[in-house]
Protein backbone atom coordinates (compact mmCIF):
# COMPACT_ATOMS: atom_id res chain seq x y z
CA UNK A 1 -25.46 5.60 -5.79
CA UNK A 2 -21.84 5.50 -7.03
CA UNK A 3 -21.23 5.30 -10.76
CA UNK A 4 -19.69 2.11 -12.09
CA UNK A 5 -16.85 2.50 -14.58
CA UNK A 6 -16.78 0.05 -17.46
CA UNK A 7 -13.40 -1.03 -18.78
CA UNK A 8 -11.80 -3.94 -20.59
CA UNK A 9 -9.25 -6.03 -18.71
CA UNK A 10 -6.09 -6.56 -20.79
CA UNK A 11 -4.32 -8.77 -18.27
CA UNK A 12 -5.43 -10.11 -14.90
CA UNK A 13 -2.81 -10.50 -12.20
CA UNK A 14 -3.86 -12.63 -9.25
CA UNK A 15 -1.46 -13.03 -6.32
CA UNK A 16 2.02 -12.62 -7.81
CA UNK A 17 3.56 -10.41 -10.46
CA UNK A 18 6.60 -11.98 -12.09
CA UNK A 19 9.24 -9.62 -13.46
CA UNK A 20 12.03 -11.77 -14.81
CA UNK A 21 13.33 -13.74 -11.84
CA UNK A 22 11.76 -11.37 -9.30
CA UNK A 23 8.35 -12.12 -7.83
CA UNK A 24 6.24 -9.42 -6.21
CA UNK A 25 3.33 -10.39 -4.01
CA UNK A 26 0.21 -8.40 -4.76
CA UNK A 27 -1.55 -7.25 -1.59
CA UNK A 28 -5.10 -5.95 -1.76
CA UNK A 29 -4.96 -2.73 0.30
CA UNK A 30 -8.20 -0.78 -0.09
CA UNK A 31 -8.88 2.50 1.65
CA UNK A 32 -7.55 5.30 -0.53
CA UNK A 33 -9.53 3.61 -3.30
CA UNK A 34 -11.50 0.34 -3.31
CA UNK A 35 -9.11 -1.62 -5.53
CA UNK A 36 -5.78 -0.27 -4.28
CA UNK A 37 -2.87 -2.70 -4.20
CA UNK A 38 0.68 -2.77 -2.91
CA UNK A 39 3.59 -4.78 -4.30
CA UNK A 40 5.79 -6.61 -1.80
CA UNK A 41 9.07 -8.45 -2.32
CA UNK A 42 9.72 -10.76 0.64
CA UNK A 43 13.09 -11.69 -0.85
CA UNK A 44 14.33 -8.11 -1.22
CA UNK A 45 12.15 -6.80 1.65
CA UNK A 46 10.72 -3.80 -0.19
CA UNK A 47 7.15 -2.56 -0.41
CA UNK A 48 5.71 -0.35 -3.13
CA UNK A 49 2.89 1.23 -1.15
CA UNK A 50 1.37 3.51 -3.78
CA UNK A 51 -1.04 5.93 -2.11
CA UNK A 52 -1.61 3.87 1.05
CA UNK A 53 1.16 5.31 3.23
CA UNK A 54 3.82 7.99 2.89
CA UNK A 55 6.40 9.49 5.20
CA UNK A 56 4.29 10.74 8.14
CA UNK A 57 1.07 10.53 6.18
CA UNK A 58 -1.57 8.29 4.62
CA UNK A 59 -3.65 8.28 1.46
CA UNK A 60 -6.73 10.46 1.41
CA UNK A 61 -10.11 8.88 2.05
CA UNK A 62 -12.26 11.97 1.55
CA UNK A 63 -12.39 11.43 -2.21
CA UNK A 64 -15.14 9.33 -3.85
CA UNK A 65 -14.94 5.67 -2.83
CA UNK A 66 -12.36 6.30 -0.05
CA UNK A 67 -12.90 4.31 3.15
CA UNK A 68 -11.25 5.13 6.51
CA UNK A 69 -11.85 1.71 8.07
CA UNK A 70 -10.45 -0.13 5.04
CA UNK A 71 -7.42 2.18 5.06
CA UNK A 72 -6.77 1.38 8.74
CA UNK A 73 -7.01 -2.36 8.12
CA UNK A 74 -4.70 -2.15 5.10
CA UNK A 75 -2.08 -0.19 7.06
CA UNK A 76 -2.21 -2.70 9.91
CA UNK A 77 -1.70 -5.48 7.33
CA UNK A 78 1.40 -3.97 5.72
CA UNK A 79 2.91 -2.86 9.03
CA UNK A 80 3.40 -6.55 9.85
CA UNK A 81 5.65 -7.13 6.83
CA UNK A 82 9.42 -7.36 7.12
CA UNK A 83 10.31 -4.27 5.09
CA UNK A 84 13.68 -2.59 4.65
CA UNK A 85 12.62 -0.19 1.89
CA UNK A 86 9.27 1.59 1.65
CA UNK A 87 8.54 3.10 -1.76
CA UNK A 88 5.46 5.35 -1.53
CA UNK A 89 3.55 6.82 -4.44
CA UNK A 90 4.62 10.33 -3.38
CA UNK A 91 7.37 11.82 -1.29
CA UNK A 92 10.49 10.41 0.25
CA UNK A 93 11.59 6.77 0.16
CA UNK A 94 11.97 5.37 3.68
CA UNK A 95 15.01 3.16 4.23
CA UNK A 96 15.70 0.80 7.13
CA UNK A 97 13.31 -1.35 9.18
CA UNK A 98 13.61 0.89 12.25
CA UNK A 99 12.70 4.01 10.25
CA UNK A 100 9.78 2.26 8.60
CA UNK A 101 8.54 1.01 11.98
CA UNK A 102 8.78 4.57 13.41
CA UNK A 103 6.79 5.83 10.43
CA UNK A 104 4.01 3.28 11.08
CA UNK A 105 3.99 4.24 14.78
CA UNK A 106 3.64 7.93 13.83
CA UNK A 107 0.82 7.10 11.41
CA UNK A 108 -1.01 4.98 13.99
CA UNK A 109 -0.74 7.75 16.59
CA UNK A 110 -1.84 10.65 14.39
CA UNK A 111 -4.04 9.11 11.68
CA UNK A 112 -5.51 5.87 12.94
């Protein structure tokens, strides 16, 4: 039985994070961890993917609470977004829609 961590919530963010005039959509993207999120700007077409996807790689699911099926579903969800800049939690930034699309195709072939 997994251990439950107790913590106090300082601020709850629902669907959108507002930073000045910029709004980032919050996407629930579990897999690497149960409560993983990504931040997406449809206006500026960038995605902060955290530990979900990287250049030619994906977040680990072999750690406690990781889930391969949830990771797959989350990657399929973000691959549908119009993204010109992919900002992963580690590694190289991926620029350009064609490069990002090629990265998702590589991930789907080798990891999903």
